[in-house]
């Protein structure tokens, strides 16, 4: 049996964690359809209001952007669940809806789905980290490609040249990583397949690009290309920053989990290396319960609307790190993993 034990200095408790999550792994059609309705329809309505508001004041358009972005985040969570085949029971239904969500989120469904699965299989494993395409070869030797934020250990960072340290510092700069790169990621980088992608994943990128071109031309000739740009630019800027921040904070916090190769443990990576981002109830709703990320990594087959129920079902699931909005902001300044102290630290680790 696989017993739940996320601390290295505790005795295994005779409880099979797989049995604890079984009741929550099954999607409910009514819940899924209701989430589809209360996410898609408000988003479409707000998008239309953003278009109409330009006739009065562009400040109204900008004011509506964060709210519309909130609903787009919910659509991305649906996209995310479809990628895990956890939103509907039928695989085909997940793939169809996931592909539609991908168009709204500017993200090729099958391409994202494959590399996100790698993230789940390797998160917290120091031997299997993300490849930074713009990083020098001496940094790339630590890396593979699974869609994570590249994180070096203190010892690895010390061994880099001054130039390479500067590149890594630039890469981990919060302004670039969390404010500039998100929009570039969704608008530009998602338009190109990863060289390691298989045929279906590559074609997912091509078909998504073709569909987005058709939608852009249709809307552009209908309402005008400038009004379309003035809607999509602030909307995608808000949504991409929110989305990347959520992804970042779920694994980049002080007491997270990193381990070398064979020492890596799936349960600890899920329950210790993934945060419980405790958000106010309204933000929790807009983010589709993804703050219960430790539960999601323990079992990606749990639909987002069942994550809190699973979390609340057993005290063993409440041993994970709890991050609040204020506490989470401190993670911005953590850039390296200290293997000796088993914590994330900043660039001032020597002080």
Protein backbone atom coordinates (compact mmCIF):
# COMPACT_ATOMS: atom_id res chain seq x y z
CA UNK A 1 0.00 0.00 0.00
CA UNK A 2 1.11 3.58 -0.64
CA UNK A 3 0.90 5.23 2.74
CA UNK A 4 0.62 8.98 3.16
CA UNK A 5 3.79 10.35 4.71
CA UNK A 6 5.04 13.74 3.56
CA UNK A 7 7.58 14.26 6.34
CA UNK A 8 10.86 12.40 6.25
CA UNK A 9 11.04 12.12 10.03
CA UNK A 10 7.61 10.67 10.72
CA UNK A 11 6.30 7.16 10.81
CA UNK A 12 4.03 6.00 8.00
CA UNK A 13 0.36 6.10 8.90
CA UNK A 14 -1.65 3.06 7.84
CA UNK A 15 -3.84 4.99 5.45
CA UNK A 16 -3.74 4.50 1.69
CA UNK A 17 -3.99 8.00 0.18
CA UNK A 18 -5.42 6.52 -3.02
CA UNK A 19 -8.43 5.27 -1.11
CA UNK A 20 -8.97 8.72 0.41
CA UNK A 21 -9.23 10.43 -2.97
CA UNK A 22 -11.27 7.81 -4.83
CA UNK A 23 -14.67 9.37 -4.09
CA UNK A 24 -13.58 12.74 -5.54
CA UNK A 25 -12.08 11.60 -8.84
CA UNK A 26 -15.34 11.31 -10.75
CA UNK A 27 -16.69 14.31 -12.71
CA UNK A 28 -20.31 15.28 -12.20
CA UNK A 29 -22.02 16.28 -15.46
CA UNK A 30 -24.31 18.81 -13.78
CA UNK A 31 -21.42 20.50 -11.98
CA UNK A 32 -19.31 20.57 -15.13
CA UNK A 33 -22.10 22.04 -17.26
CA UNK A 34 -22.89 24.67 -14.62
CA UNK A 35 -19.26 25.70 -14.48
CA UNK A 36 -19.21 25.92 -18.27
CA UNK A 37 -22.29 28.18 -18.21
CA UNK A 38 -21.15 30.46 -15.39
CA UNK A 39 -17.73 30.89 -17.00
CA UNK A 40 -18.35 31.16 -20.75
CA UNK A 41 -21.50 33.26 -20.82
CA UNK A 42 -20.29 36.02 -18.44
CA UNK A 43 -17.01 36.15 -20.34
CA UNK A 44 -18.74 36.57 -23.71
CA UNK A 45 -21.07 39.20 -22.24
CA UNK A 46 -18.17 41.17 -20.73
CA UNK A 47 -16.20 40.93 -23.96
CA UNK A 48 -19.16 42.44 -25.80
CA UNK A 49 -19.46 45.19 -23.17
CA UNK A 50 -15.79 45.99 -23.67
CA UNK A 51 -16.51 46.46 -27.36
CA UNK A 52 -19.55 48.67 -26.73
CA UNK A 53 -17.75 50.72 -24.07
CA UNK A 54 -15.20 52.00 -26.58
CA UNK A 55 -17.90 54.26 -28.02
CA UNK A 56 -18.11 56.06 -24.66
CA UNK A 57 -14.72 55.88 -22.95
CA UNK A 58 -11.76 53.55 -23.28
CA UNK A 59 -11.30 53.87 -19.51
CA UNK A 60 -14.50 51.83 -19.14
CA UNK A 61 -13.00 49.20 -21.44
CA UNK A 62 -9.87 49.04 -19.31
CA UNK A 63 -11.92 48.88 -16.10
CA UNK A 64 -13.79 45.84 -17.44
CA UNK A 65 -10.57 44.04 -18.43
CA UNK A 66 -9.66 42.56 -15.00
CA UNK A 67 -13.19 41.22 -14.49
CA UNK A 68 -13.29 39.67 -17.95
CA UNK A 69 -9.81 38.26 -17.30
CA UNK A 70 -11.14 36.61 -14.14
CA UNK A 71 -13.68 34.68 -16.18
CA UNK A 72 -11.01 33.83 -18.74
CA UNK A 73 -8.99 32.32 -15.87
CA UNK A 74 -12.01 30.13 -15.07
CA UNK A 75 -12.12 29.09 -18.73
CA UNK A 76 -8.42 28.22 -18.52
CA UNK A 77 -9.15 26.06 -15.46
CA UNK A 78 -11.77 24.21 -17.53
CA UNK A 79 -9.16 23.91 -20.30
CA UNK A 80 -6.74 22.57 -17.69
CA UNK A 81 -9.23 19.99 -16.37
CA UNK A 82 -10.06 18.88 -19.92
CA UNK A 83 -6.33 18.36 -20.48
CA UNK A 84 -6.34 15.93 -17.55
CA UNK A 85 -9.60 14.34 -18.82
CA UNK A 86 -11.19 15.19 -15.48
CA UNK A 87 -13.93 17.62 -16.56
CA UNK A 88 -16.13 15.06 -18.35
CA UNK A 89 -16.17 11.28 -18.19
CA UNK A 90 -15.86 11.01 -21.97
CA UNK A 91 -12.36 11.58 -23.34
CA UNK A 92 -13.69 13.01 -26.60
CA UNK A 93 -15.87 15.55 -24.78
CA UNK A 94 -12.84 16.73 -22.82
CA UNK A 95 -10.76 17.08 -25.97
CA UNK A 96 -13.44 19.00 -27.87
CA UNK A 97 -14.17 21.48 -25.07
CA UNK A 98 -10.47 21.74 -24.23
CA UNK A 99 -9.68 22.70 -27.82
CA UNK A 100 -12.40 25.37 -27.76
CA UNK A 101 -11.11 26.77 -24.46
CA UNK A 102 -7.63 26.77 -25.96
CA UNK A 103 -8.74 29.17 -28.68
CA UNK A 104 -10.01 31.67 -26.11
CA UNK A 105 -6.82 31.26 -24.07
CA UNK A 106 -4.54 31.38 -27.16
CA UNK A 107 -3.11 28.00 -26.14
CA UNK A 108 -2.84 24.89 -28.37
CA UNK A 109 -4.63 22.16 -26.47
CA UNK A 110 -2.71 18.96 -27.30
CA UNK A 111 0.67 20.66 -27.25
CA UNK A 112 0.00 22.19 -23.81
CA UNK A 113 -1.55 18.96 -22.53
CA UNK A 114 1.55 16.91 -23.32
CA UNK A 115 4.06 19.23 -21.69
CA UNK A 116 1.81 19.86 -18.71
CA UNK A 117 1.73 16.09 -18.15
CA UNK A 118 5.54 16.20 -18.03
CA UNK A 119 5.27 18.91 -15.39
CA UNK A 120 3.16 16.60 -13.22
CA UNK A 121 5.57 13.72 -13.70
CA UNK A 122 8.72 15.68 -12.88
CA UNK A 123 7.84 18.63 -10.61
CA UNK A 124 10.32 18.92 -7.75
CA UNK A 125 12.83 16.61 -9.45
CA UNK A 126 16.21 18.35 -9.73
CA UNK A 127 17.24 15.92 -12.47
CA UNK A 128 14.35 16.90 -14.74
CA UNK A 129 14.00 20.64 -15.00
CA UNK A 130 12.72 23.01 -17.66
CA UNK A 131 14.93 23.93 -20.62
CA UNK A 132 15.57 27.65 -20.97
CA UNK A 133 15.97 28.17 -24.70
CA UNK A 134 17.85 31.46 -24.22
CA UNK A 135 20.15 30.17 -21.52
CA UNK A 136 23.80 29.13 -22.14
CA UNK A 137 24.78 25.48 -22.43
CA UNK A 138 26.32 25.38 -18.97
CA UNK A 139 22.90 26.18 -17.50
CA UNK A 140 21.10 23.86 -19.92
CA UNK A 141 23.02 20.88 -18.57
CA UNK A 142 20.68 21.03 -15.55
CA UNK A 143 17.58 21.06 -17.69
CA UNK A 144 14.97 19.20 -19.69
CA UNK A 145 11.60 20.48 -20.86
CA UNK A 146 8.47 20.18 -18.74
CA UNK A 147 7.08 23.72 -18.66
CA UNK A 148 8.31 24.75 -15.20
CA UNK A 149 10.07 27.90 -14.04
CA UNK A 150 13.79 27.09 -14.16
CA UNK A 151 15.20 26.85 -10.64
CA UNK A 152 18.87 26.29 -9.87
CA UNK A 153 20.36 25.17 -6.60
CA UNK A 154 22.73 27.43 -4.68
CA UNK A 155 25.71 25.24 -5.60
CA UNK A 156 24.76 25.20 -9.28
CA UNK A 157 24.45 28.98 -9.29
CA UNK A 158 27.84 29.46 -7.63
CA UNK A 159 29.50 27.35 -10.33
CA UNK A 160 28.20 29.59 -13.14
CA UNK A 161 30.34 32.31 -14.69
CA UNK A 162 29.53 35.95 -13.92
CA UNK A 163 27.87 36.29 -17.32
CA UNK A 164 25.74 33.21 -16.76
CA UNK A 165 24.74 34.38 -13.29
CA UNK A 166 23.60 37.66 -14.84
CA UNK A 167 21.51 35.76 -17.40
CA UNK A 168 19.89 33.69 -14.65
CA UNK A 169 19.28 36.79 -12.52
CA UNK A 170 17.63 38.45 -15.51
CA UNK A 171 15.52 35.37 -16.18
CA UNK A 172 14.36 35.28 -12.54
CA UNK A 173 13.71 39.02 -12.35
CA UNK A 174 10.08 39.38 -11.12
CA UNK A 175 9.31 42.24 -13.51
CA UNK A 176 10.37 40.18 -16.53
CA UNK A 177 9.20 36.77 -15.32
CA UNK A 178 5.80 37.75 -13.92
CA UNK A 179 4.80 40.91 -15.81
CA UNK A 180 6.44 40.88 -19.25
CA UNK A 181 6.88 37.20 -20.12
CA UNK A 182 3.27 36.10 -19.46
CA UNK A 183 1.89 38.07 -22.43
CA UNK A 184 4.80 37.00 -24.64
CA UNK A 185 4.19 33.38 -23.63
CA UNK A 186 0.52 33.31 -24.61
CA UNK A 187 0.65 35.63 -27.63
CA UNK A 188 4.00 34.68 -29.17
CA UNK A 189 5.63 31.54 -27.76
CA UNK A 190 2.47 29.42 -27.96
CA UNK A 191 2.46 30.03 -31.72
CA UNK A 192 5.49 27.78 -32.17
CA UNK A 193 5.71 24.04 -31.40
CA UNK A 194 8.43 22.72 -29.16
CA UNK A 195 11.11 20.89 -31.20
CA UNK A 196 10.52 17.80 -29.05
CA UNK A 197 6.77 17.76 -29.68
CA UNK A 198 5.26 14.76 -31.46
CA UNK A 199 3.19 15.06 -34.63
CA UNK A 200 -0.19 15.51 -32.95
CA UNK A 201 1.19 18.15 -30.60
CA UNK A 202 2.84 20.06 -33.46
CA UNK A 203 -0.32 19.98 -35.53
CA UNK A 204 -2.26 21.19 -32.49
CA UNK A 205 -0.16 24.38 -32.67
CA UNK A 206 -0.68 24.76 -36.42
CA UNK A 207 -4.44 24.22 -36.32
CA UNK A 208 -4.80 26.55 -33.33
CA UNK A 209 -2.86 29.25 -35.18
CA UNK A 210 -4.99 28.78 -38.29
CA UNK A 211 -8.22 28.94 -36.27
CA UNK A 212 -7.04 32.05 -34.41
CA UNK A 213 -6.15 33.70 -37.73
CA UNK A 214 -9.65 32.97 -39.04
CA UNK A 215 -11.31 34.30 -35.87
CA UNK A 216 -9.11 37.41 -35.94
CA UNK A 217 -9.98 38.14 -39.57
CA UNK A 218 -13.69 37.52 -38.96
CA UNK A 219 -13.83 39.79 -35.90
CA UNK A 220 -11.48 42.33 -37.42
CA UNK A 221 -13.59 42.83 -40.53
CA UNK A 222 -16.75 42.82 -38.38
CA UNK A 223 -15.88 45.29 -35.62
CA UNK A 224 -12.55 46.67 -36.79
CA UNK A 225 -9.01 45.51 -36.11
CA UNK A 226 -8.16 48.40 -33.81
CA UNK A 227 -11.22 47.89 -31.52
CA UNK A 228 -10.35 44.17 -31.45
CA UNK A 229 -6.78 44.94 -30.41
CA UNK A 230 -7.96 47.42 -27.77
CA UNK A 231 -10.10 44.65 -26.24
CA UNK A 232 -7.69 41.73 -26.47
CA UNK A 233 -4.49 43.47 -25.40
CA UNK A 234 -5.53 44.55 -21.88
CA UNK A 235 -7.64 41.41 -21.46
CA UNK A 236 -4.79 39.03 -22.30
CA UNK A 237 -2.31 41.12 -20.33
CA UNK A 238 -4.43 40.81 -17.17
CA UNK A 239 -5.30 37.14 -17.71
CA UNK A 240 -1.75 36.04 -18.59
CA UNK A 241 -0.24 37.78 -15.55
CA UNK A 242 -2.86 36.22 -13.27
CA UNK A 243 -2.36 32.78 -14.81
CA UNK A 244 1.43 32.79 -14.68
CA UNK A 245 1.39 34.09 -11.10
CA UNK A 246 -0.86 31.21 -10.05
CA UNK A 247 1.45 28.71 -11.75
CA UNK A 248 4.49 30.36 -10.17
CA UNK A 249 3.21 30.54 -6.59
CA UNK A 250 2.04 26.92 -6.61
CA UNK A 251 5.62 25.61 -6.54
CA UNK A 252 7.91 28.57 -5.82
CA UNK A 253 7.70 29.10 -2.07
CA UNK A 254 10.17 28.81 0.79
CA UNK A 255 9.34 25.35 2.15
CA UNK A 256 8.69 23.70 -1.19
CA UNK A 257 10.16 20.35 -2.28
CA UNK A 258 13.12 19.60 -4.53
CA UNK A 259 15.03 16.34 -4.55
CA UNK A 260 17.68 14.64 -6.63
CA UNK A 261 16.86 11.79 -9.01
CA UNK A 262 16.11 8.51 -7.27
CA UNK A 263 15.40 10.29 -3.97
CA UNK A 264 12.47 12.10 -5.57
CA UNK A 265 9.09 10.99 -4.16
CA UNK A 266 5.77 11.53 -5.93
CA UNK A 267 3.67 12.06 -2.80
CA UNK A 268 6.10 14.50 -1.24
CA UNK A 269 6.35 16.40 -4.50
CA UNK A 270 2.57 16.70 -4.53
CA UNK A 271 1.83 17.42 -0.87
CA UNK A 272 5.00 19.25 0.15
CA UNK A 273 6.13 20.73 -3.15
CA UNK A 274 2.73 22.14 -4.14
CA UNK A 275 1.15 24.90 -2.11
CA UNK A 276 -2.29 25.40 -0.65
CA UNK A 277 -2.83 28.96 -1.85
CA UNK A 278 -5.57 30.09 0.53
CA UNK A 279 -7.43 32.84 -1.30
CA UNK A 280 -10.47 34.91 -0.36
CA UNK A 281 -13.63 33.09 -1.42
CA UNK A 282 -14.28 35.29 -4.47
CA UNK A 283 -10.73 34.85 -5.79
CA UNK A 284 -10.95 31.13 -5.05
CA UNK A 285 -14.06 30.99 -7.24
CA UNK A 286 -12.46 32.89 -10.11
CA UNK A 287 -9.38 30.67 -9.96
CA UNK A 288 -11.41 27.47 -9.97
CA UNK A 289 -10.06 26.12 -6.65
CA UNK A 290 -6.61 25.71 -8.22
CA UNK A 291 -5.19 27.04 -4.93
CA UNK A 292 -5.72 23.49 -3.62
CA UNK A 293 -2.79 22.60 -5.81
CA UNK A 294 -1.41 19.93 -3.53
CA UNK A 295 -4.61 17.94 -4.00
CA UNK A 296 -4.50 18.50 -7.76
CA UNK A 297 -0.96 17.14 -7.98
CA UNK A 298 -1.84 14.18 -5.80
CA UNK A 299 -4.55 13.28 -8.32
CA UNK A 300 -5.03 15.32 -11.54
CA UNK A 301 -8.19 13.30 -12.18
CA UNK A 302 -10.06 15.22 -9.47
CA UNK A 303 -12.26 17.92 -11.12
CA UNK A 304 -11.53 21.42 -9.86
CA UNK A 305 -14.92 21.67 -8.14
CA UNK A 306 -14.05 18.64 -5.98
CA UNK A 307 -10.61 19.82 -4.83
CA UNK A 308 -11.76 21.56 -1.66
CA UNK A 309 -14.04 18.68 -0.72
CA UNK A 310 -11.09 16.31 -0.96
CA UNK A 311 -8.86 18.72 0.98
CA UNK A 312 -11.41 19.00 3.78
CA UNK A 313 -12.08 15.26 3.93
CA UNK A 314 -8.97 14.25 5.89
CA UNK A 315 -6.53 16.08 8.15
CA UNK A 316 -3.64 14.37 6.38
CA UNK A 317 -4.24 16.62 3.37
CA UNK A 318 -3.94 19.71 5.53
CA UNK A 319 -0.27 19.17 6.37
CA UNK A 320 0.87 21.06 3.29
CA UNK A 321 2.24 24.62 3.20
CA UNK A 322 -0.47 27.31 3.45
CA UNK A 323 0.14 30.50 1.51
CA UNK A 324 -1.97 33.63 1.86
CA UNK A 325 -1.94 36.62 -0.47
CA UNK A 326 0.54 38.46 1.76
CA UNK A 327 2.76 35.47 2.44
CA UNK A 328 2.72 34.51 -1.22
CA UNK A 329 4.17 37.87 -2.27
CA UNK A 330 7.34 37.06 -0.33
CA UNK A 331 7.99 34.23 -2.77
CA UNK A 332 8.82 36.78 -5.47
CA UNK A 333 12.27 37.17 -3.90
CA UNK A 334 13.07 33.43 -3.74
CA UNK A 335 15.21 32.34 -6.67
CA UNK A 336 17.43 29.40 -5.64
CA UNK A 337 17.06 26.05 -3.86
CA UNK A 338 19.34 25.56 -0.86
CA UNK A 339 19.89 21.80 -0.68
CA UNK A 340 21.52 21.96 2.74
CA UNK A 341 18.72 23.90 4.43
CA UNK A 342 15.98 22.44 2.20
CA UNK A 343 14.40 25.83 1.50
CA UNK A 344 14.14 28.36 -1.32
CA UNK A 345 16.38 31.40 -0.85
CA UNK A 346 17.13 34.67 -2.61
CA UNK A 347 20.35 35.80 -4.26
CA UNK A 348 21.55 37.05 -0.87
CA UNK A 349 21.87 33.44 0.37
CA UNK A 350 25.43 34.07 1.61
CA UNK A 351 24.41 36.75 4.10
